[in-house]
Amino acid sequence: MSGPSSRRRSLAAVFAVPGALAVITLAGLPVALAGGGAHGAASWLALGAPVAAVLFAWARRRR
């Protein structure tokens, strides 16, 4: 295979985005339990990040 998709990427490059999403999600779970108001908004953003990433990847793949 040749082309941009056949290049080798480091382990850090492969797992950077999934790792960041995991950290954001795990941080959002206790924030959601902490209370309402600003905590609620922060938890919605944190817990919505993986969904947004999947939708972004899905839309990009369909092009």
N, C-alpha and C. Protein backbone atom coordinates (compact mmCIF):
# COMPACT_ATOMS: atom_id res chain seq x y z
N MET A 1 0.83 -1.18 0.00
CA MET A 1 0.00 0.00 0.00
C MET A 1 0.87 1.24 0.00
N SER A 2 0.44 2.21 -0.72
CA SER A 2 1.16 3.47 -0.70
C SER A 2 0.17 4.60 -0.46
N GLY A 3 0.69 5.75 -0.11
CA GLY A 3 -0.19 6.88 0.16
C GLY A 3 -0.11 7.30 1.60
N PRO A 4 -0.86 8.34 1.94
CA PRO A 4 -0.78 8.89 3.29
C PRO A 4 -1.30 7.95 4.37
N SER A 5 -2.22 7.06 4.05
CA SER A 5 -2.78 6.20 5.09
C SER A 5 -1.85 5.04 5.46
N SER A 6 -0.81 4.80 4.67
CA SER A 6 0.09 3.67 4.96
C SER A 6 1.30 4.08 5.81
N ARG A 7 1.45 5.34 6.14
CA ARG A 7 2.59 5.76 6.94
C ARG A 7 2.43 5.28 8.38
N ARG A 8 3.55 5.05 9.01
CA ARG A 8 3.53 4.56 10.40
C ARG A 8 3.46 5.75 11.34
N ARG A 9 2.63 5.61 12.36
CA ARG A 9 2.51 6.66 13.37
C ARG A 9 2.93 6.10 14.70
N SER A 10 3.45 6.98 15.53
CA SER A 10 3.91 6.55 16.85
C SER A 10 2.70 6.20 17.73
N LEU A 11 2.99 5.50 18.80
CA LEU A 11 1.94 5.11 19.74
C LEU A 11 1.26 6.34 20.34
N ALA A 12 2.04 7.35 20.64
CA ALA A 12 1.48 8.59 21.19
C ALA A 12 0.55 9.28 20.19
N ALA A 13 0.91 9.26 18.92
CA ALA A 13 0.07 9.89 17.90
C ALA A 13 -1.24 9.12 17.73
N VAL A 14 -1.19 7.82 17.85
CA VAL A 14 -2.39 7.01 17.67
C VAL A 14 -3.37 7.21 18.82
N PHE A 15 -2.85 7.27 20.06
CA PHE A 15 -3.72 7.30 21.22
C PHE A 15 -3.88 8.69 21.85
N ALA A 16 -3.42 9.74 21.21
CA ALA A 16 -3.53 11.08 21.79
C ALA A 16 -4.98 11.53 21.92
N VAL A 17 -5.74 11.44 20.85
CA VAL A 17 -7.13 11.89 20.90
C VAL A 17 -7.99 10.97 21.76
N PRO A 18 -7.93 9.64 21.61
CA PRO A 18 -8.72 8.80 22.51
C PRO A 18 -8.35 8.99 23.98
N GLY A 19 -7.08 9.18 24.27
CA GLY A 19 -6.66 9.42 25.64
C GLY A 19 -7.22 10.73 26.19
N ALA A 20 -7.18 11.77 25.37
CA ALA A 20 -7.72 13.06 25.80
C ALA A 20 -9.23 12.97 26.03
N LEU A 21 -9.93 12.25 25.15
CA LEU A 21 -11.36 12.07 25.33
C LEU A 21 -11.66 11.29 26.61
N ALA A 22 -10.85 10.31 26.93
CA ALA A 22 -11.04 9.53 28.16
C ALA A 22 -10.85 10.41 29.39
N VAL A 23 -9.81 11.23 29.37
CA VAL A 23 -9.55 12.12 30.51
C VAL A 23 -10.68 13.13 30.68
N ILE A 24 -11.13 13.71 29.58
CA ILE A 24 -12.22 14.70 29.63
C ILE A 24 -13.49 14.05 30.16
N THR A 25 -13.80 12.85 29.67
CA THR A 25 -15.01 12.16 30.10
C THR A 25 -14.93 11.78 31.58
N LEU A 26 -13.78 11.25 31.99
CA LEU A 26 -13.63 10.87 33.39
C LEU A 26 -13.65 12.08 34.32
N ALA A 27 -13.21 13.21 33.84
CA ALA A 27 -13.30 14.43 34.64
C ALA A 27 -14.74 14.94 34.69
N GLY A 28 -15.50 14.71 33.64
CA GLY A 28 -16.88 15.18 33.58
C GLY A 28 -17.82 14.41 34.48
N LEU A 29 -17.52 13.16 34.76
CA LEU A 29 -18.41 12.35 35.60
C LEU A 29 -18.51 12.88 37.02
N PRO A 30 -17.41 13.11 37.73
CA PRO A 30 -17.57 13.67 39.08
C PRO A 30 -18.08 15.12 39.08
N VAL A 31 -17.77 15.87 38.03
CA VAL A 31 -18.29 17.23 37.94
C VAL A 31 -19.81 17.20 37.83
N ALA A 32 -20.34 16.21 37.11
CA ALA A 32 -21.79 16.08 36.99
C ALA A 32 -22.44 15.79 38.33
N LEU A 33 -21.75 15.06 39.18
CA LEU A 33 -22.28 14.73 40.50
C LEU A 33 -22.12 15.87 41.49
N ALA A 34 -21.24 16.82 41.18
CA ALA A 34 -20.91 17.90 42.13
C ALA A 34 -22.04 18.90 42.30
N GLY A 35 -22.84 19.11 41.31
CA GLY A 35 -23.92 20.07 41.48
C GLY A 35 -24.39 20.63 40.16
N GLY A 36 -25.27 21.63 40.25
CA GLY A 36 -25.86 22.23 39.07
C GLY A 36 -25.15 23.50 38.68
N GLY A 37 -25.84 24.30 37.90
CA GLY A 37 -25.28 25.58 37.45
C GLY A 37 -24.11 25.39 36.51
N ALA A 38 -22.99 26.02 36.86
CA ALA A 38 -21.80 25.93 36.02
C ALA A 38 -21.26 24.50 35.99
N HIS A 39 -21.43 23.78 37.08
CA HIS A 39 -20.99 22.38 37.09
C HIS A 39 -21.79 21.56 36.07
N GLY A 40 -23.06 21.85 35.99
CA GLY A 40 -23.91 21.13 35.04
C GLY A 40 -23.49 21.40 33.61
N ALA A 41 -23.21 22.65 33.30
CA ALA A 41 -22.79 23.00 31.94
C ALA A 41 -21.44 22.36 31.61
N ALA A 42 -20.53 22.38 32.57
CA ALA A 42 -19.21 21.77 32.34
C ALA A 42 -19.33 20.27 32.14
N SER A 43 -20.21 19.64 32.90
CA SER A 43 -20.36 18.19 32.75
C SER A 43 -21.00 17.85 31.41
N TRP A 44 -21.96 18.64 30.95
CA TRP A 44 -22.56 18.39 29.65
C TRP A 44 -21.51 18.51 28.54
N LEU A 45 -20.65 19.51 28.64
CA LEU A 45 -19.59 19.66 27.64
C LEU A 45 -18.62 18.49 27.68
N ALA A 46 -18.23 18.10 28.89
CA ALA A 46 -17.26 17.01 29.03
C ALA A 46 -17.84 15.67 28.57
N LEU A 47 -19.08 15.40 28.95
CA LEU A 47 -19.69 14.13 28.57
C LEU A 47 -20.17 14.12 27.13
N GLY A 48 -20.33 15.30 26.54
CA GLY A 48 -20.71 15.38 25.13
C GLY A 48 -19.53 15.33 24.18
N ALA A 49 -18.33 15.49 24.70
CA ALA A 49 -17.13 15.50 23.84
C ALA A 49 -16.95 14.20 23.05
N PRO A 50 -17.10 13.01 23.65
CA PRO A 50 -16.97 11.79 22.85
C PRO A 50 -18.04 11.67 21.76
N VAL A 51 -19.25 12.10 22.07
CA VAL A 51 -20.32 12.07 21.06
C VAL A 51 -19.98 13.00 19.91
N ALA A 52 -19.50 14.19 20.24
CA ALA A 52 -19.10 15.15 19.20
C ALA A 52 -17.95 14.60 18.36
N ALA A 53 -17.00 13.93 19.00
CA ALA A 53 -15.87 13.35 18.26
C ALA A 53 -16.33 12.26 17.31
N VAL A 54 -17.26 11.43 17.74
CA VAL A 54 -17.78 10.37 16.87
C VAL A 54 -18.54 10.98 15.69
N LEU A 55 -19.37 11.97 15.96
CA LEU A 55 -20.10 12.62 14.87
C LEU A 55 -19.16 13.31 13.89
N PHE A 56 -18.11 13.95 14.41
CA PHE A 56 -17.13 14.59 13.54
C PHE A 56 -16.42 13.56 12.65
N ALA A 57 -15.99 12.45 13.26
CA ALA A 57 -15.30 11.41 12.49
C ALA A 57 -16.23 10.76 11.47
N TRP A 58 -17.48 10.57 11.86
CA TRP A 58 -18.45 9.96 10.96
C TRP A 58 -18.72 10.87 9.76
N ALA A 59 -18.89 12.17 10.01
CA ALA A 59 -19.14 13.11 8.93
C ALA A 59 -17.91 13.23 8.02
N ARG A 60 -16.74 13.19 8.61
CA ARG A 60 -15.52 13.30 7.81
C ARG A 60 -15.31 12.06 6.94
N ARG A 61 -15.69 10.92 7.47
CA ARG A 61 -15.52 9.67 6.72
C ARG A 61 -16.49 9.58 5.55
N ARG A 62 -17.68 10.15 5.70
CA ARG A 62 -18.69 10.06 4.66
C ARG A 62 -18.37 10.93 3.46
N ARG A 63 -17.43 11.88 3.60
CA ARG A 63 -17.08 12.75 2.46
C ARG A 63 -16.32 12.03 1.42
